[in-house]
Amino acid sequence: MNASRWTHVLVVLGLMYSFASPARADSKPTVIAVINRAEWCSVCKTHGERAGKAIMAANADGALQLVVNDMTSDATTKQSAVALKAVGLDRAMALYTATGVLYLFDAATKRPLAQVTVANTDQEIKMAIDLARKAAAHRP
């Protein structure tokens, strides 16, 4: 699966979880997961599909809100900026410009909680997501 197909799959699955998940029907997401990717990113090309599946598996209950930050071109970056602004992370994500990385933020405070590359193992991705969820659940 090529990188643009991976983005499409994550966007579709993210929308499904955002609007169709029974776990999300009564509650808001506790963590916002932003995936920085680009078509020219070799890490994204090599590990994107597998990492996307690991992220989706770790989000079976829909507690993550997924945002794809496509940094392929100026046009895709501008489109992604709209999605980042909608979740209140446009300013925060200006500091995080590496591609092939999953950044995890507290949905309420917008505080960064964890980050992991898509090159990490499925278990390491799940551990980062679990860590972020626990941190968001125990915010002051």
C-alpha atoms as a PDB file:
ATOM      1  CA  MET A   1       0.000   0.000   0.000  1.00  0.00           C
ATOM      2  CA  ASN A   2       1.460   3.357  -0.968  1.00  0.00           C
ATOM      3  CA  ALA A   3       1.715   6.322   1.396  1.00  0.00           C
ATOM      4  CA  SER A   4      -1.266   8.169  -0.039  1.00  0.00           C
ATOM      5  CA  ARG A   5      -3.437   5.051   0.286  1.00  0.00           C
ATOM      6  CA  TRP A   6      -2.242   4.743   3.920  1.00  0.00           C
ATOM      7  CA  THR A   7      -3.383   8.313   4.583  1.00  0.00           C
ATOM      8  CA  HIS A   8      -6.753   7.572   3.010  1.00  0.00           C
ATOM      9  CA  VAL A   9      -7.200   4.465   5.169  1.00  0.00           C
ATOM     10  CA  LEU A  10      -6.315   6.373   8.362  1.00  0.00           C
ATOM     11  CA  VAL A  11      -8.655   9.237   7.479  1.00  0.00           C
ATOM     12  CA  VAL A  12     -11.553   6.891   6.726  1.00  0.00           C
ATOM     13  CA  LEU A  13     -10.949   4.812   9.844  1.00  0.00           C
ATOM     14  CA  GLY A  14     -10.497   7.954  11.921  1.00  0.00           C
ATOM     15  CA  LEU A  15     -13.830   9.272  10.693  1.00  0.00           C
ATOM     16  CA  MET A  16     -15.463   5.935  11.415  1.00  0.00           C
ATOM     17  CA  TYR A  17     -14.136   5.994  14.977  1.00  0.00           C
ATOM     18  CA  SER A  18     -15.005   9.663  15.401  1.00  0.00           C
ATOM     19  CA  PHE A  19     -18.609   9.285  14.367  1.00  0.00           C
ATOM     20  CA  ALA A  20     -19.590   5.630  14.664  1.00  0.00           C
ATOM     21  CA  SER A  21     -17.890   4.201  17.710  1.00  0.00           C
ATOM     22  CA  PRO A  22     -20.318   3.265  20.483  1.00  0.00           C
ATOM     23  CA  ALA A  23     -17.630   4.084  23.061  1.00  0.00           C
ATOM     24  CA  ARG A  24     -17.498   7.622  21.713  1.00  0.00           C
ATOM     25  CA  ALA A  25     -21.264   8.156  21.582  1.00  0.00           C
ATOM     26  CA  ASP A  26     -21.411   9.408  25.178  1.00  0.00           C
ATOM     27  CA  SER A  27     -17.911  10.778  25.651  1.00  0.00           C
ATOM     28  CA  LYS A  28     -15.265  12.901  24.026  1.00  0.00           C
ATOM     29  CA  PRO A  29     -11.851  11.528  23.066  1.00  0.00           C
ATOM     30  CA  THR A  30      -9.255  11.715  25.802  1.00  0.00           C
ATOM     31  CA  VAL A  31      -6.247  11.768  23.468  1.00  0.00           C
ATOM     32  CA  ILE A  32      -5.652  13.388  20.098  1.00  0.00           C
ATOM     33  CA  ALA A  33      -3.262  11.387  17.911  1.00  0.00           C
ATOM     34  CA  VAL A  34      -1.581  13.386  15.142  1.00  0.00           C
ATOM     35  CA  ILE A  35       0.291  11.444  12.503  1.00  0.00           C
ATOM     36  CA  ASN A  36       2.847  13.499  10.579  1.00  0.00           C
ATOM     37  CA  ARG A  37       3.349  11.883   7.203  1.00  0.00           C
ATOM     38  CA  ALA A  38       4.436  12.738   3.678  1.00  0.00           C
ATOM     39  CA  GLU A  39       4.591  10.903   0.387  1.00  0.00           C
ATOM     40  CA  TRP A  40       8.348  11.589   0.183  1.00  0.00           C
ATOM     41  CA  CYS A  41       8.970  10.190   3.703  1.00  0.00           C
ATOM     42  CA  SER A  42      10.811   6.861   3.412  1.00  0.00           C
ATOM     43  CA  VAL A  43       9.879   5.893   6.993  1.00  0.00           C
ATOM     44  CA  CYS A  44       6.206   6.516   6.184  1.00  0.00           C
ATOM     45  CA  LYS A  45       6.452   4.431   3.020  1.00  0.00           C
ATOM     46  CA  THR A  46       8.176   1.552   4.767  1.00  0.00           C
ATOM     47  CA  HIS A  47       6.232   1.425   8.026  1.00  0.00           C
ATOM     48  CA  GLY A  48       3.060   3.461   7.499  1.00  0.00           C
ATOM     49  CA  GLU A  49       0.615   0.705   6.676  1.00  0.00           C
ATOM     50  CA  ARG A  50       1.739  -1.548   9.546  1.00  0.00           C
ATOM     51  CA  ALA A  51       1.823   1.338  12.009  1.00  0.00           C
ATOM     52  CA  GLY A  52      -1.627   2.475  10.872  1.00  0.00           C
ATOM     53  CA  LYS A  53      -3.016  -0.955  11.655  1.00  0.00           C
ATOM     54  CA  ALA A  54      -1.325  -0.902  15.083  1.00  0.00           C
ATOM     55  CA  ILE A  55      -2.830   2.515  15.830  1.00  0.00           C
ATOM     56  CA  MET A  56      -6.291   1.363  14.787  1.00  0.00           C
ATOM     57  CA  ALA A  57      -5.966  -1.773  16.929  1.00  0.00           C
ATOM     58  CA  ALA A  58      -4.939   0.322  19.934  1.00  0.00           C
ATOM     59  CA  ASN A  59      -7.977   2.534  19.333  1.00  0.00           C
ATOM     60  CA  ALA A  60     -10.595  -0.198  19.347  1.00  0.00           C
ATOM     61  CA  ASP A  61     -12.669   1.755  21.891  1.00  0.00           C
ATOM     62  CA  GLY A  62     -12.455   5.015  19.929  1.00  0.00           C
ATOM     63  CA  ALA A  63     -10.829   6.997  22.751  1.00  0.00           C
ATOM     64  CA  LEU A  64      -8.295   8.505  20.331  1.00  0.00           C
ATOM     65  CA  GLN A  65      -9.195  11.268  17.919  1.00  0.00           C
ATOM     66  CA  LEU A  66      -7.045  10.735  14.837  1.00  0.00           C
ATOM     67  CA  VAL A  67      -5.670  13.579  12.719  1.00  0.00           C
ATOM     68  CA  VAL A  68      -3.440  13.033   9.699  1.00  0.00           C
ATOM     69  CA  ASN A  69      -0.993  15.898   9.175  1.00  0.00           C
ATOM     70  CA  ASP A  70       0.041  15.456   5.545  1.00  0.00           C
ATOM     71  CA  MET A  71       3.257  17.381   4.987  1.00  0.00           C
ATOM     72  CA  THR A  72       3.795  16.243   1.395  1.00  0.00           C
ATOM     73  CA  SER A  73       3.411  19.699  -0.145  1.00  0.00           C
ATOM     74  CA  ASP A  74       2.385  23.249   0.698  1.00  0.00           C
ATOM     75  CA  ALA A  75      -1.158  22.431  -0.432  1.00  0.00           C
ATOM     76  CA  THR A  76      -1.501  19.305   1.751  1.00  0.00           C
ATOM     77  CA  THR A  77       0.108  21.120   4.674  1.00  0.00           C
ATOM     78  CA  LYS A  78      -2.474  23.905   4.366  1.00  0.00           C
ATOM     79  CA  GLN A  79      -5.300  21.350   4.240  1.00  0.00           C
ATOM     80  CA  SER A  80      -3.919  19.612   7.309  1.00  0.00           C
ATOM     81  CA  ALA A  81      -3.630  22.947   9.128  1.00  0.00           C
ATOM     82  CA  VAL A  82      -7.422  23.247   8.950  1.00  0.00           C
ATOM     83  CA  ALA A  83      -7.827  19.857  10.655  1.00  0.00           C
ATOM     84  CA  LEU A  84      -5.204  20.739  13.275  1.00  0.00           C
ATOM     85  CA  LYS A  85      -6.932  24.041  14.020  1.00  0.00           C
ATOM     86  CA  ALA A  86     -10.274  22.240  14.383  1.00  0.00           C
ATOM     87  CA  VAL A  87      -8.829  20.176  17.250  1.00  0.00           C
ATOM     88  CA  GLY A  88      -6.922  23.104  18.754  1.00  0.00           C
ATOM     89  CA  LEU A  89      -3.436  21.870  17.888  1.00  0.00           C
ATOM     90  CA  ASP A  90      -2.402  24.238  15.110  1.00  0.00           C
ATOM     91  CA  ARG A  91       0.028  26.176  17.320  1.00  0.00           C
ATOM     92  CA  ALA A  92       1.310  23.147  19.219  1.00  0.00           C
ATOM     93  CA  MET A  93       2.039  21.184  16.050  1.00  0.00           C
ATOM     94  CA  ALA A  94       4.176  24.022  14.664  1.00  0.00           C
ATOM     95  CA  LEU A  95       6.865  22.660  17.000  1.00  0.00           C
ATOM     96  CA  TYR A  96       6.570  19.079  15.724  1.00  0.00           C
ATOM     97  CA  THR A  97       7.738  18.884  12.124  1.00  0.00           C
ATOM     98  CA  ALA A  98       9.262  15.407  11.832  1.00  0.00           C
ATOM     99  CA  THR A  99       7.459  13.024   9.482  1.00  0.00           C
ATOM    100  CA  GLY A 100       6.852   9.383  10.291  1.00  0.00           C
ATOM    101  CA  VAL A 101       5.906  10.276  13.853  1.00  0.00           C
ATOM    102  CA  LEU A 102       2.741   9.814  15.900  1.00  0.00           C
ATOM    103  CA  TYR A 103       2.286  12.660  18.397  1.00  0.00           C
ATOM    104  CA  LEU A 104      -0.172  12.157  21.259  1.00  0.00           C
ATOM    105  CA  PHE A 105      -1.832  15.084  23.053  1.00  0.00           C
ATOM    106  CA  ASP A 106      -4.272  15.434  25.939  1.00  0.00           C
ATOM    107  CA  ALA A 107      -7.560  16.286  24.215  1.00  0.00           C
ATOM    108  CA  ALA A 108      -8.649  18.649  26.989  1.00  0.00           C
ATOM    109  CA  THR A 109      -5.426  20.523  27.778  1.00  0.00           C
ATOM    110  CA  LYS A 110      -3.629  20.086  24.421  1.00  0.00           C
ATOM    111  CA  ARG A 111      -0.527  19.154  26.420  1.00  0.00           C
ATOM    112  CA  PRO A 112       1.878  16.759  24.641  1.00  0.00           C
ATOM    113  CA  LEU A 113       1.802  13.330  26.270  1.00  0.00           C
ATOM    114  CA  ALA A 114       3.953  11.021  24.162  1.00  0.00           C
ATOM    115  CA  GLN A 115       5.392  10.465  20.726  1.00  0.00           C
ATOM    116  CA  VAL A 116       6.551   7.436  18.808  1.00  0.00           C
ATOM    117  CA  THR A 117       7.809   6.872  15.272  1.00  0.00           C
ATOM    118  CA  VAL A 118       5.923   4.676  12.870  1.00  0.00           C
ATOM    119  CA  ALA A 119       9.151   2.670  12.597  1.00  0.00           C
ATOM    120  CA  ASN A 120       8.706   1.489  16.183  1.00  0.00           C
ATOM    121  CA  THR A 121       7.212  -1.944  16.755  1.00  0.00           C
ATOM    122  CA  ASP A 122       3.466  -2.429  17.095  1.00  0.00           C
ATOM    123  CA  GLN A 123       3.996  -3.129  20.790  1.00  0.00           C
ATOM    124  CA  GLU A 124       5.947   0.124  21.262  1.00  0.00           C
ATOM    125  CA  ILE A 125       3.234   2.085  19.441  1.00  0.00           C
ATOM    126  CA  LYS A 126       0.581   0.523  21.666  1.00  0.00           C
ATOM    127  CA  MET A 127       2.671   1.279  24.772  1.00  0.00           C
ATOM    128  CA  ALA A 128       2.979   4.963  23.774  1.00  0.00           C
ATOM    129  CA  ILE A 129      -0.772   5.178  23.193  1.00  0.00           C
ATOM    130  CA  ASP A 130      -1.496   3.453  26.517  1.00  0.00           C
ATOM    131  CA  LEU A 131       0.909   5.819  28.297  1.00  0.00           C
ATOM    132  CA  ALA A 132      -0.818   8.840  26.750  1.00  0.00           C
ATOM    133  CA  ARG A 133      -4.257   7.529  27.706  1.00  0.00           C
ATOM    134  CA  LYS A 134      -3.177   6.975  31.309  1.00  0.00           C
ATOM    135  CA  ALA A 135      -1.607  10.441  31.498  1.00  0.00           C
ATOM    136  CA  ALA A 136      -4.772  12.052  30.111  1.00  0.00           C
ATOM    137  CA  ALA A 137      -6.914  10.132  32.593  1.00  0.00           C
ATOM    138  CA  HIS A 138      -4.798  11.368  35.501  1.00  0.00           C
ATOM    139  CA  ARG A 139      -4.434  15.003  34.543  1.00  0.00           C
ATOM    140  CA  PRO A 140      -4.419  17.486  37.431  1.00  0.00           C
END
